[in-house]
PDB file of N, CA and C in Angstrom:
ATOM      1  N   MET A   1       6.051   8.121  15.124  1.00  0.00           N
ATOM      2  CA  MET A   1       5.072   8.618  14.169  1.00  0.00           C
ATOM      3  C   MET A   1       3.714   8.042  14.535  1.00  0.00           C
ATOM      4  N   LYS A   2       2.795   8.905  14.885  1.00  0.00           N
ATOM      5  CA  LYS A   2       1.447   8.468  15.224  1.00  0.00           C
ATOM      6  C   LYS A   2       0.499   8.856  14.100  1.00  0.00           C
ATOM      7  N   VAL A   3      -0.385   7.950  13.761  1.00  0.00           N
ATOM      8  CA  VAL A   3      -1.443   8.248  12.803  1.00  0.00           C
ATOM      9  C   VAL A   3      -2.748   7.749  13.387  1.00  0.00           C
ATOM     10  N   SER A   4      -3.832   8.311  12.937  1.00  0.00           N
ATOM     11  CA  SER A   4      -5.137   7.884  13.431  1.00  0.00           C
ATOM     12  C   SER A   4      -5.494   6.523  12.832  1.00  0.00           C
ATOM     13  N   ASN A   5      -6.445   5.871  13.472  1.00  0.00           N
ATOM     14  CA  ASN A   5      -6.910   4.587  12.945  1.00  0.00           C
ATOM     15  C   ASN A   5      -7.447   4.754  11.528  1.00  0.00           C
ATOM     16  N   ARG A   6      -8.124   5.850  11.284  1.00  0.00           N
ATOM     17  CA  ARG A   6      -8.702   6.120   9.960  1.00  0.00           C
ATOM     18  C   ARG A   6      -7.601   6.228   8.899  1.00  0.00           C
ATOM     19  N   THR A   7      -6.542   6.963   9.223  1.00  0.00           N
ATOM     20  CA  THR A   7      -5.431   7.114   8.283  1.00  0.00           C
ATOM     21  C   THR A   7      -4.796   5.768   7.990  1.00  0.00           C
ATOM     22  N   TYR A   8      -4.563   4.986   9.034  1.00  0.00           N
ATOM     23  CA  TYR A   8      -3.986   3.653   8.866  1.00  0.00           C
ATOM     24  C   TYR A   8      -4.887   2.800   7.977  1.00  0.00           C
ATOM     25  N   ASP A   9      -6.194   2.822   8.251  1.00  0.00           N
ATOM     26  CA  ASP A   9      -7.132   2.018   7.462  1.00  0.00           C
ATOM     27  C   ASP A   9      -7.124   2.426   5.991  1.00  0.00           C
ATOM     28  N   VAL A  10      -7.023   3.720   5.722  1.00  0.00           N
ATOM     29  CA  VAL A  10      -6.989   4.209   4.331  1.00  0.00           C
ATOM     30  C   VAL A  10      -5.716   3.741   3.634  1.00  0.00           C
ATOM     31  N   ILE A  11      -4.568   3.882   4.314  1.00  0.00           N
ATOM     32  CA  ILE A  11      -3.300   3.439   3.721  1.00  0.00           C
ATOM     33  C   ILE A  11      -3.334   1.937   3.451  1.00  0.00           C
ATOM     34  N   LYS A  12      -3.841   1.175   4.412  1.00  0.00           N
ATOM     35  CA  LYS A  12      -3.919  -0.281   4.254  1.00  0.00           C
ATOM     36  C   LYS A  12      -4.852  -0.651   3.103  1.00  0.00           C
ATOM     37  N   PHE A  13      -5.996   0.017   3.018  1.00  0.00           N
ATOM     38  CA  PHE A  13      -6.959  -0.255   1.948  1.00  0.00           C
ATOM     39  C   PHE A  13      -6.336   0.011   0.586  1.00  0.00           C
ATOM     40  N   ILE A  14      -5.647   1.136   0.458  1.00  0.00           N
ATOM     41  CA  ILE A  14      -4.999   1.468  -0.820  1.00  0.00           C
ATOM     42  C   ILE A  14      -3.941   0.430  -1.168  1.00  0.00           C
ATOM     43  N   ALA A  15      -3.135   0.055  -0.171  1.00  0.00           N
ATOM     44  CA  ALA A  15      -2.079  -0.932  -0.419  1.00  0.00           C
ATOM     45  C   ALA A  15      -2.667  -2.262  -0.882  1.00  0.00           C
ATOM     46  N   LEU A  16      -3.782  -2.663  -0.280  1.00  0.00           N
ATOM     47  CA  LEU A  16      -4.406  -3.932  -0.668  1.00  0.00           C
ATOM     48  C   LEU A  16      -5.127  -3.835  -2.004  1.00  0.00           C
ATOM     49  N   LEU A  17      -5.540  -2.648  -2.371  1.00  0.00           N
ATOM     50  CA  LEU A  17      -6.266  -2.456  -3.626  1.00  0.00           C
ATOM     51  C   LEU A  17      -5.323  -2.285  -4.815  1.00  0.00           C
ATOM     52  N   VAL A  18      -4.149  -1.724  -4.588  1.00  0.00           N
ATOM     53  CA  VAL A  18      -3.230  -1.410  -5.685  1.00  0.00           C
ATOM     54  C   VAL A  18      -2.700  -2.677  -6.361  1.00  0.00           C
ATOM     55  N   ALA A  19      -2.419  -3.722  -5.606  1.00  0.00           N
ATOM     56  CA  ALA A  19      -1.864  -4.948  -6.196  1.00  0.00           C
ATOM     57  C   ALA A  19      -2.787  -5.554  -7.254  1.00  0.00           C
ATOM     58  N   PRO A  20      -4.077  -5.735  -6.963  1.00  0.00           N
ATOM     59  CA  PRO A  20      -4.951  -6.261  -8.026  1.00  0.00           C
ATOM     60  C   PRO A  20      -5.094  -5.317  -9.217  1.00  0.00           C
ATOM     61  N   ILE A  21      -5.104  -4.021  -8.952  1.00  0.00           N
ATOM     62  CA  ILE A  21      -5.176  -3.053 -10.050  1.00  0.00           C
ATOM     63  C   ILE A  21      -3.931  -3.162 -10.924  1.00  0.00           C
ATOM     64  N   CYS A  22      -2.784  -3.307 -10.288  1.00  0.00           N
ATOM     65  CA  CYS A  22      -1.525  -3.454 -11.026  1.00  0.00           C
ATOM     66  C   CYS A  22      -1.557  -4.706 -11.905  1.00  0.00           C
ATOM     67  N   THR A  23      -2.036  -5.799 -11.355  1.00  0.00           N
ATOM     68  CA  THR A  23      -2.133  -7.045 -12.120  1.00  0.00           C
ATOM     69  C   THR A  23      -3.077  -6.878 -13.311  1.00  0.00           C
ATOM     70  N   PHE A  24      -4.210  -6.244 -13.070  1.00  0.00           N
ATOM     71  CA  PHE A  24      -5.175  -5.995 -14.136  1.00  0.00           C
ATOM     72  C   PHE A  24      -4.556  -5.127 -15.229  1.00  0.00           C
ATOM     73  N   PHE A  25      -3.876  -4.052 -14.821  1.00  0.00           N
ATOM     74  CA  PHE A  25      -3.259  -3.161 -15.795  1.00  0.00           C
ATOM     75  C   PHE A  25      -2.153  -3.864 -16.568  1.00  0.00           C
ATOM     76  N   ALA A  26      -1.389  -4.716 -15.886  1.00  0.00           N
ATOM     77  CA  ALA A  26      -0.331  -5.469 -16.567  1.00  0.00           C
ATOM     78  C   ALA A  26      -0.920  -6.352 -17.661  1.00  0.00           C
ATOM     79  N   ALA A  27      -2.074  -6.945 -17.387  1.00  0.00           N
ATOM     80  CA  ALA A  27      -2.741  -7.763 -18.404  1.00  0.00           C
ATOM     81  C   ALA A  27      -3.176  -6.905 -19.588  1.00  0.00           C
ATOM     82  N   LEU A  28      -3.724  -5.728 -19.308  1.00  0.00           N
ATOM     83  CA  LEU A  28      -4.152  -4.839 -20.388  1.00  0.00           C
ATOM     84  C   LEU A  28      -2.976  -4.362 -21.228  1.00  0.00           C
ATOM     85  N   VAL A  29      -1.848  -4.114 -20.578  1.00  0.00           N
ATOM     86  CA  VAL A  29      -0.645  -3.696 -21.302  1.00  0.00           C
ATOM     87  C   VAL A  29      -0.265  -4.745 -22.336  1.00  0.00           C
ATOM     88  N   GLU A  30      -0.297  -6.004 -21.909  1.00  0.00           N
ATOM     89  CA  GLU A  30       0.053  -7.097 -22.823  1.00  0.00           C
ATOM     90  C   GLU A  30      -0.975  -7.230 -23.946  1.00  0.00           C
ATOM     91  N   ILE A  31      -2.233  -7.125 -23.595  1.00  0.00           N
ATOM     92  CA  ILE A  31      -3.295  -7.320 -24.593  1.00  0.00           C
ATOM     93  C   ILE A  31      -3.317  -6.181 -25.611  1.00  0.00           C
ATOM     94  N   TRP A  32      -3.249  -4.955 -25.143  1.00  0.00           N
ATOM     95  CA  TRP A  32      -3.428  -3.798 -25.994  1.00  0.00           C
ATOM     96  C   TRP A  32      -2.134  -3.103 -26.402  1.00  0.00           C
ATOM     97  N   GLY A  33      -1.005  -3.517 -25.867  1.00  0.00           N
ATOM     98  CA  GLY A  33       0.260  -2.878 -26.222  1.00  0.00           C
ATOM     99  C   GLY A  33       0.312  -1.408 -25.830  1.00  0.00           C
ATOM    100  N   ILE A  34      -0.131  -1.107 -24.635  1.00  0.00           N
ATOM    101  CA  ILE A  34      -0.176   0.276 -24.148  1.00  0.00           C
ATOM    102  C   ILE A  34       1.251   0.842 -24.048  1.00  0.00           C
ATOM    103  N   PRO A  35       1.452   2.056 -24.594  1.00  0.00           N
ATOM    104  CA  PRO A  35       2.795   2.655 -24.534  1.00  0.00           C
ATOM    105  C   PRO A  35       3.254   2.861 -23.089  1.00  0.00           C
ATOM    106  N   TYR A  36       4.507   2.624 -22.857  1.00  0.00           N
ATOM    107  CA  TYR A  36       5.126   2.747 -21.529  1.00  0.00           C
ATOM    108  C   TYR A  36       4.464   1.844 -20.490  1.00  0.00           C
ATOM    109  N   GLY A  37       3.795   0.831 -20.949  1.00  0.00           N
ATOM    110  CA  GLY A  37       3.093  -0.087 -20.054  1.00  0.00           C
ATOM    111  C   GLY A  37       3.977  -0.706 -18.988  1.00  0.00           C
ATOM    112  N   PRO A  38       5.099  -1.309 -19.373  1.00  0.00           N
ATOM    113  CA  PRO A  38       5.947  -1.916 -18.343  1.00  0.00           C
ATOM    114  C   PRO A  38       6.447  -0.910 -17.302  1.00  0.00           C
ATOM    115  N   GLN A  39       6.736   0.306 -17.734  1.00  0.00           N
ATOM    116  CA  GLN A  39       7.191   1.330 -16.796  1.00  0.00           C
ATOM    117  C   GLN A  39       6.068   1.726 -15.826  1.00  0.00           C
ATOM    118  N   ILE A  40       4.866   1.836 -16.349  1.00  0.00           N
ATOM    119  CA  ILE A  40       3.725   2.185 -15.503  1.00  0.00           C
ATOM    120  C   ILE A  40       3.457   1.072 -14.497  1.00  0.00           C
ATOM    121  N   VAL A  41       3.461  -0.167 -14.965  1.00  0.00           N
ATOM    122  CA  VAL A  41       3.220  -1.305 -14.075  1.00  0.00           C
ATOM    123  C   VAL A  41       4.297  -1.378 -12.992  1.00  0.00           C
ATOM    124  N   ALA A  42       5.544  -1.194 -13.375  1.00  0.00           N
ATOM    125  CA  ALA A  42       6.636  -1.238 -12.393  1.00  0.00           C
ATOM    126  C   ALA A  42       6.508  -0.108 -11.372  1.00  0.00           C
ATOM    127  N   THR A  43       6.093   1.061 -11.816  1.00  0.00           N
ATOM    128  CA  THR A  43       5.907   2.191 -10.903  1.00  0.00           C
ATOM    129  C   THR A  43       4.786   1.909  -9.910  1.00  0.00           C
ATOM    130  N   ILE A  44       3.667   1.376 -10.400  1.00  0.00           N
ATOM    131  CA  ILE A  44       2.547   1.041  -9.523  1.00  0.00           C
ATOM    132  C   ILE A  44       2.963  -0.038  -8.524  1.00  0.00           C
ATOM    133  N   ALA A  45       3.677  -1.040  -8.985  1.00  0.00           N
ATOM    134  CA  ALA A  45       4.130  -2.115  -8.097  1.00  0.00           C
ATOM    135  C   ALA A  45       5.097  -1.580  -7.037  1.00  0.00           C
ATOM    136  N   ALA A  46       5.976  -0.676  -7.429  1.00  0.00           N
ATOM    137  CA  ALA A  46       6.915  -0.086  -6.466  1.00  0.00           C
ATOM    138  C   ALA A  46       6.166   0.732  -5.419  1.00  0.00           C
ATOM    139  N   LEU A  47       5.174   1.490  -5.849  1.00  0.00           N
ATOM    140  CA  LEU A  47       4.357   2.264  -4.918  1.00  0.00           C
ATOM    141  C   LEU A  47       3.626   1.340  -3.944  1.00  0.00           C
ATOM    142  N   ASP A  48       3.085   0.256  -4.456  1.00  0.00           N
ATOM    143  CA  ASP A  48       2.376  -0.692  -3.597  1.00  0.00           C
ATOM    144  C   ASP A  48       3.321  -1.334  -2.580  1.00  0.00           C
ATOM    145  N   THR A  49       4.531  -1.628  -3.002  1.00  0.00           N
ATOM    146  CA  THR A  49       5.525  -2.188  -2.084  1.00  0.00           C
ATOM    147  C   THR A  49       5.834  -1.186  -0.976  1.00  0.00           C
ATOM    148  N   LEU A  50       5.993   0.081  -1.336  1.00  0.00           N
ATOM    149  CA  LEU A  50       6.243   1.119  -0.346  1.00  0.00           C
ATOM    150  C   LEU A  50       5.077   1.233   0.634  1.00  0.00           C
ATOM    151  N   LEU A  51       3.855   1.250   0.125  1.00  0.00           N
ATOM    152  CA  LEU A  51       2.689   1.353   0.999  1.00  0.00           C
ATOM    153  C   LEU A  51       2.581   0.142   1.925  1.00  0.00           C
ATOM    154  N   GLY A  52       2.906  -1.037   1.413  1.00  0.00           N
ATOM    155  CA  GLY A  52       2.906  -2.223   2.256  1.00  0.00           C
ATOM    156  C   GLY A  52       3.897  -2.104   3.397  1.00  0.00           C
ATOM    157  N   ALA A  53       5.064  -1.562   3.106  1.00  0.00           N
ATOM    158  CA  ALA A  53       6.072  -1.357   4.151  1.00  0.00           C
ATOM    159  C   ALA A  53       5.581  -0.332   5.174  1.00  0.00           C
ATOM    160  N   VAL A  54       4.947   0.730   4.719  1.00  0.00           N
ATOM    161  CA  VAL A  54       4.413   1.743   5.628  1.00  0.00           C
ATOM    162  C   VAL A  54       3.361   1.127   6.548  1.00  0.00           C
ATOM    163  N   VAL A  55       2.495   0.290   6.001  1.00  0.00           N
ATOM    164  CA  VAL A  55       1.467  -0.370   6.807  1.00  0.00           C
ATOM    165  C   VAL A  55       2.117  -1.218   7.905  1.00  0.00           C
ATOM    166  N   ILE A  56       3.126  -1.975   7.558  1.00  0.00           N
ATOM    167  CA  ILE A  56       3.809  -2.820   8.546  1.00  0.00           C
ATOM    168  C   ILE A  56       4.476  -1.966   9.623  1.00  0.00           C
ATOM    169  N   ILE A  57       5.141  -0.899   9.224  1.00  0.00           N
ATOM    170  CA  ILE A  57       5.797  -0.014  10.184  1.00  0.00           C
ATOM    171  C   ILE A  57       4.768   0.603  11.131  1.00  0.00           C
ATOM    172  N   LEU A  58       3.675   1.116  10.582  1.00  0.00           N
ATOM    173  CA  LEU A  58       2.641   1.725  11.417  1.00  0.00           C
ATOM    174  C   LEU A  58       2.012   0.707  12.355  1.00  0.00           C
ATOM    175  N   LYS A  59       1.805  -0.505  11.888  1.00  0.00           N
ATOM    176  CA  LYS A  59       1.240  -1.558  12.735  1.00  0.00           C
ATOM    177  C   LYS A  59       2.179  -1.861  13.900  1.00  0.00           C
ATOM    178  N   ASN A  60       3.466  -1.953  13.624  1.00  0.00           N
ATOM    179  CA  ASN A  60       4.442  -2.220  14.682  1.00  0.00           C
ATOM    180  C   ASN A  60       4.480  -1.086  15.702  1.00  0.00           C
ATOM    181  N   ILE A  61       4.428   0.149  15.237  1.00  0.00           N
ATOM    182  CA  ILE A  61       4.414   1.300  16.140  1.00  0.00           C
ATOM    183  C   ILE A  61       3.167   1.260  17.022  1.00  0.00           C
ATOM    184  N   TYR A  62       2.040   0.956  16.416  1.00  0.00           N
ATOM    185  CA  TYR A  62       0.783   0.879  17.165  1.00  0.00           C
ATOM    186  C   TYR A  62       0.835  -0.215  18.225  1.00  0.00           C
ATOM    187  N   GLU A  63       1.333  -1.384  17.839  1.00  0.00           N
ATOM    188  CA  GLU A  63       1.409  -2.490  18.796  1.00  0.00           C
ATOM    189  C   GLU A  63       2.356  -2.173  19.948  1.00  0.00           C
ATOM    190  N   LYS A  64       3.457  -1.487  19.657  1.00  0.00           N
ATOM    191  CA  LYS A  64       4.381  -1.081  20.728  1.00  0.00           C
ATOM    192  C   LYS A  64       3.719  -0.075  21.656  1.00  0.00           C
ATOM    193  N   SER A  65       2.903   0.833  21.091  1.00  0.00           N
ATOM    194  CA  SER A  65       2.228   1.810  21.929  1.00  0.00           C
ATOM    195  C   SER A  65       1.208   1.149  22.843  1.00  0.00           C
ATOM    196  N   LEU A  66       0.588   0.049  22.391  1.00  0.00           N
ATOM    197  CA  LEU A  66      -0.361  -0.674  23.244  1.00  0.00           C
ATOM    198  C   LEU A  66       0.358  -1.314  24.423  1.00  0.00           C
ATOM    199  N   LYS A  67       1.539  -1.817  24.173  1.00  0.00           N
ATOM    200  CA  LYS A  67       2.323  -2.421  25.260  1.00  0.00           C
ATOM    201  C   LYS A  67       2.730  -1.375  26.290  1.00  0.00           C
ATOM    202  N   GLY A  68       2.874  -0.126  25.823  1.00  0.00           N
ATOM    203  CA  GLY A  68       3.264   0.953  26.719  1.00  0.00           C
ATOM    204  C   GLY A  68       2.079   1.609  27.394  1.00  0.00           C
ATOM    205  N   GLY A  69       0.854   1.146  27.112  1.00  0.00           N
ATOM    206  CA  GLY A  69      -0.331   1.694  27.757  1.00  0.00           C
ATOM    207  C   GLY A  69      -0.982   2.825  27.002  1.00  0.00           C
ATOM    208  N   GLU A  70      -0.484   3.167  25.833  1.00  0.00           N
ATOM    209  CA  GLU A  70      -1.090   4.234  25.032  1.00  0.00           C
ATOM    210  C   GLU A  70      -2.167   3.652  24.145  1.00  0.00           C
ATOM    211  N   ASP A  71      -3.066   4.521  23.730  1.00  0.00           N
ATOM    212  CA  ASP A  71      -4.074   4.148  22.735  1.00  0.00           C
ATOM    213  C   ASP A  71      -3.960   5.115  21.577  1.00  0.00           C
ATOM    214  N   ASN A  72      -3.942   4.580  20.365  1.00  0.00           N
ATOM    215  CA  ASN A  72      -3.749   5.406  19.169  1.00  0.00           C
ATOM    216  C   ASN A  72      -5.084   5.675  18.477  1.00  0.00           C
ATOM    217  N   GLY A  73      -6.168   5.842  19.221  1.00  0.00           N
ATOM    218  CA  GLY A  73      -7.500   6.019  18.694  1.00  0.00           C
ATOM    219  C   GLY A  73      -7.631   7.195  17.841  1.00  0.00           C
TER     220      GLY A  73
END
C-alpha cells in the first residue's frame, strides 16, 4: 500500500490531534454530564488507536521501500 507523503502527514496529524481532543471532551463529559459521553469518548479513542496503527504501518512500508531503492514522494 503506497500513499503520498501528504496523505501520510494528514493521517499522522489527525492521529496526533485526536488524542488531546478526546481528553478534552472526556473532561467536558464529566463536567457537564453530556448524554452518551462515555460512548463518544470511547469511540474517539478507538478511532485514534486505529489511526495510530495505520501511521505505524505506513511508516514501516515507507522505510522498507527506502531500503529497496524506491522513493514514496
